[in-house]
Amino acid sequence: MQHRVVVFATPVYWYAMSGILKTFFDRLTDLVTVQKYSGRKLEGKSVFVLTVGSDEKLPDGFEIPFELTSQYFDMDYKGCIYHSTQKSISQNEIEDIINLFKNKIEMP
């Protein structure tokens, strides 16, 4: 709750997030029922998704749970960065990803 940025990282598993992350998302329900005060603290946070998979491109619909969950909690969904295991990643690409994060986060 103390950070401005939330990063979800998961492999693409059968066209969706991993089971472990899905269980985490299912438990977010507590933040709208039992822990409402904590749930309200998510408002305005930036959300990113980092993912990797064996397909050339990210499967259609993969981002929907992240987008809608962010919307529900009034968080700012900034997007998803996907890398295919079909190709290697260069140091320049890693630096581009870091810069993408930096450029999309508003500094106080």
C-alpha atoms as a PDB file:
ATOM      1  CA  MET A   1       0.000   0.000   0.000  1.00  0.00           C
ATOM      2  CA  GLN A   2       2.935   2.349   0.584  1.00  0.00           C
ATOM      3  CA  HIS A   3       4.125   2.280  -3.051  1.00  0.00           C
ATOM      4  CA  ARG A   4       2.780   4.266  -6.008  1.00  0.00           C
ATOM      5  CA  VAL A   5       3.384   1.499  -8.535  1.00  0.00           C
ATOM      6  CA  VAL A   6       2.062  -2.061  -8.650  1.00  0.00           C
ATOM      7  CA  VAL A   7       3.726  -4.509 -11.035  1.00  0.00           C
ATOM      8  CA  PHE A   8       2.111  -7.869 -11.718  1.00  0.00           C
ATOM      9  CA  ALA A   9       4.524 -10.389 -13.215  1.00  0.00           C
ATOM     10  CA  THR A  10       3.375 -13.727 -14.582  1.00  0.00           C
ATOM     11  CA  PRO A  11       4.047 -16.179 -17.357  1.00  0.00           C
ATOM     12  CA  VAL A  12       1.262 -16.659 -19.872  1.00  0.00           C
ATOM     13  CA  TYR A  13      -0.254 -19.969 -18.858  1.00  0.00           C
ATOM     14  CA  TRP A  14      -2.956 -21.374 -21.129  1.00  0.00           C
ATOM     15  CA  TYR A  15      -3.637 -17.885 -22.540  1.00  0.00           C
ATOM     16  CA  ALA A  16      -4.079 -16.286 -19.099  1.00  0.00           C
ATOM     17  CA  MET A  17      -2.227 -15.335 -15.930  1.00  0.00           C
ATOM     18  CA  SER A  18      -0.710 -18.094 -13.789  1.00  0.00           C
ATOM     19  CA  GLY A  19      -2.880 -19.930 -11.275  1.00  0.00           C
ATOM     20  CA  ILE A  20      -0.984 -18.391  -8.379  1.00  0.00           C
ATOM     21  CA  LEU A  21      -1.660 -14.854  -9.624  1.00  0.00           C
ATOM     22  CA  LYS A  22      -5.296 -15.751 -10.354  1.00  0.00           C
ATOM     23  CA  THR A  23      -5.683 -16.890  -6.740  1.00  0.00           C
ATOM     24  CA  PHE A  24      -4.205 -13.555  -5.624  1.00  0.00           C
ATOM     25  CA  PHE A  25      -6.712 -11.694  -7.833  1.00  0.00           C
ATOM     26  CA  ASP A  26      -9.562 -13.777  -6.407  1.00  0.00           C
ATOM     27  CA  ARG A  27      -8.518 -12.728  -2.915  1.00  0.00           C
ATOM     28  CA  LEU A  28      -8.702  -9.049  -3.853  1.00  0.00           C
ATOM     29  CA  THR A  29     -12.414  -9.459  -3.158  1.00  0.00           C
ATOM     30  CA  ASP A  30     -11.532  -8.964   0.516  1.00  0.00           C
ATOM     31  CA  LEU A  31     -10.549  -5.392  -0.363  1.00  0.00           C
ATOM     32  CA  VAL A  32     -14.130  -4.587  -1.363  1.00  0.00           C
ATOM     33  CA  THR A  33     -15.881  -6.517   1.383  1.00  0.00           C
ATOM     34  CA  VAL A  34     -13.867  -7.078   4.565  1.00  0.00           C
ATOM     35  CA  GLN A  35     -10.948  -4.638   4.136  1.00  0.00           C
ATOM     36  CA  LYS A  36     -12.677  -1.729   2.347  1.00  0.00           C
ATOM     37  CA  TYR A  37     -10.362   0.851   3.940  1.00  0.00           C
ATOM     38  CA  SER A  38      -7.322  -0.919   2.453  1.00  0.00           C
ATOM     39  CA  GLY A  39      -9.038  -1.269  -0.919  1.00  0.00           C
ATOM     40  CA  ARG A  40      -9.553   2.502  -1.116  1.00  0.00           C
ATOM     41  CA  LYS A  41      -5.804   3.007  -0.646  1.00  0.00           C
ATOM     42  CA  LEU A  42      -5.220   1.522  -4.112  1.00  0.00           C
ATOM     43  CA  GLU A  43      -6.842   4.491  -5.829  1.00  0.00           C
ATOM     44  CA  GLY A  44      -4.478   6.364  -8.147  1.00  0.00           C
ATOM     45  CA  LYS A  45      -1.694   3.783  -8.103  1.00  0.00           C
ATOM     46  CA  SER A  46      -0.027   2.943 -11.423  1.00  0.00           C
ATOM     47  CA  VAL A  47      -0.342  -0.669 -12.582  1.00  0.00           C
ATOM     48  CA  PHE A  48       1.942  -2.488 -15.004  1.00  0.00           C
ATOM     49  CA  VAL A  49       2.042  -6.106 -16.160  1.00  0.00           C
ATOM     50  CA  LEU A  50       5.227  -7.943 -17.104  1.00  0.00           C
ATOM     51  CA  THR A  51       4.737 -11.257 -18.810  1.00  0.00           C
ATOM     52  CA  VAL A  52       6.498 -13.854 -20.871  1.00  0.00           C
ATOM     53  CA  GLY A  53       5.216 -16.688 -23.017  1.00  0.00           C
ATOM     54  CA  SER A  54       6.062 -19.028 -25.852  1.00  0.00           C
ATOM     55  CA  ASP A  55       3.735 -17.442 -28.420  1.00  0.00           C
ATOM     56  CA  GLU A  56       5.009 -14.791 -30.804  1.00  0.00           C
ATOM     57  CA  LYS A  57       2.510 -12.253 -29.464  1.00  0.00           C
ATOM     58  CA  LEU A  58       0.417 -11.820 -26.347  1.00  0.00           C
ATOM     59  CA  PRO A  59      -2.885 -13.718 -26.613  1.00  0.00           C
ATOM     60  CA  ASP A  60      -5.991 -11.608 -27.232  1.00  0.00           C
ATOM     61  CA  GLY A  61      -7.832 -10.795 -24.037  1.00  0.00           C
ATOM     62  CA  PHE A  62      -4.892 -11.474 -21.726  1.00  0.00           C
ATOM     63  CA  GLU A  63      -4.895  -7.932 -20.343  1.00  0.00           C
ATOM     64  CA  ILE A  64      -8.630  -7.720 -19.622  1.00  0.00           C
ATOM     65  CA  PRO A  65      -8.491  -8.905 -15.967  1.00  0.00           C
ATOM     66  CA  PHE A  66      -5.687  -6.424 -15.245  1.00  0.00           C
ATOM     67  CA  GLU A  67      -7.468  -3.553 -16.990  1.00  0.00           C
ATOM     68  CA  LEU A  68     -10.833  -4.183 -15.324  1.00  0.00           C
ATOM     69  CA  THR A  69      -9.365  -4.794 -11.870  1.00  0.00           C
ATOM     70  CA  SER A  70      -7.408  -1.552 -12.158  1.00  0.00           C
ATOM     71  CA  GLN A  71     -10.549   0.252 -13.255  1.00  0.00           C
ATOM     72  CA  TYR A  72     -12.558  -1.221 -10.387  1.00  0.00           C
ATOM     73  CA  PHE A  73     -10.050  -0.023  -7.789  1.00  0.00           C
ATOM     74  CA  ASP A  74      -9.579   3.362  -9.540  1.00  0.00           C
ATOM     75  CA  MET A  75      -5.963   2.532 -10.344  1.00  0.00           C
ATOM     76  CA  ASP A  76      -4.212   3.751 -13.508  1.00  0.00           C
ATOM     77  CA  TYR A  77      -3.501   0.792 -15.804  1.00  0.00           C
ATOM     78  CA  LYS A  78      -0.341   1.669 -17.727  1.00  0.00           C
ATOM     79  CA  GLY A  79      -0.088  -1.424 -19.914  1.00  0.00           C
ATOM     80  CA  CYS A  80       1.585  -4.749 -20.425  1.00  0.00           C
ATOM     81  CA  ILE A  81       5.087  -5.604 -21.539  1.00  0.00           C
ATOM     82  CA  TYR A  82       5.279  -9.024 -23.182  1.00  0.00           C
ATOM     83  CA  HIS A  83       8.331 -10.960 -24.260  1.00  0.00           C
ATOM     84  CA  SER A  84       8.235 -14.145 -26.308  1.00  0.00           C
ATOM     85  CA  THR A  85      10.598 -16.946 -25.391  1.00  0.00           C
ATOM     86  CA  GLN A  86      10.958 -17.500 -29.143  1.00  0.00           C
ATOM     87  CA  LYS A  87      13.604 -14.784 -29.213  1.00  0.00           C
ATOM     88  CA  SER A  88      16.362 -13.540 -26.936  1.00  0.00           C
ATOM     89  CA  ILE A  89      16.216 -10.143 -25.258  1.00  0.00           C
ATOM     90  CA  SER A  90      19.016  -7.636 -25.671  1.00  0.00           C
ATOM     91  CA  GLN A  91      20.406  -5.216 -23.124  1.00  0.00           C
ATOM     92  CA  ASN A  92      18.977  -2.357 -25.210  1.00  0.00           C
ATOM     93  CA  GLU A  93      15.492  -3.867 -24.975  1.00  0.00           C
ATOM     94  CA  ILE A  94      15.853  -4.176 -21.197  1.00  0.00           C
ATOM     95  CA  GLU A  95      16.857  -0.507 -20.998  1.00  0.00           C
ATOM     96  CA  ASP A  96      13.888   0.415 -23.230  1.00  0.00           C
ATOM     97  CA  ILE A  97      11.553  -1.393 -20.830  1.00  0.00           C
ATOM     98  CA  ILE A  98      13.038   0.432 -17.839  1.00  0.00           C
ATOM     99  CA  ASN A  99      12.649   3.762 -19.626  1.00  0.00           C
ATOM    100  CA  LEU A 100       9.076   2.914 -20.575  1.00  0.00           C
ATOM    101  CA  PHE A 101       8.250   2.413 -16.897  1.00  0.00           C
ATOM    102  CA  LYS A 102       9.970   5.640 -15.918  1.00  0.00           C
ATOM    103  CA  ASN A 103       8.186   7.654 -18.613  1.00  0.00           C
ATOM    104  CA  LYS A 104       4.732   6.335 -17.740  1.00  0.00           C
ATOM    105  CA  ILE A 105       4.963   7.038 -14.002  1.00  0.00           C
ATOM    106  CA  GLU A 106       4.091  10.536 -12.903  1.00  0.00           C
ATOM    107  CA  MET A 107       6.561  11.807 -10.361  1.00  0.00           C
ATOM    108  CA  PRO A 108       5.136  13.678  -7.339  1.00  0.00           C
END
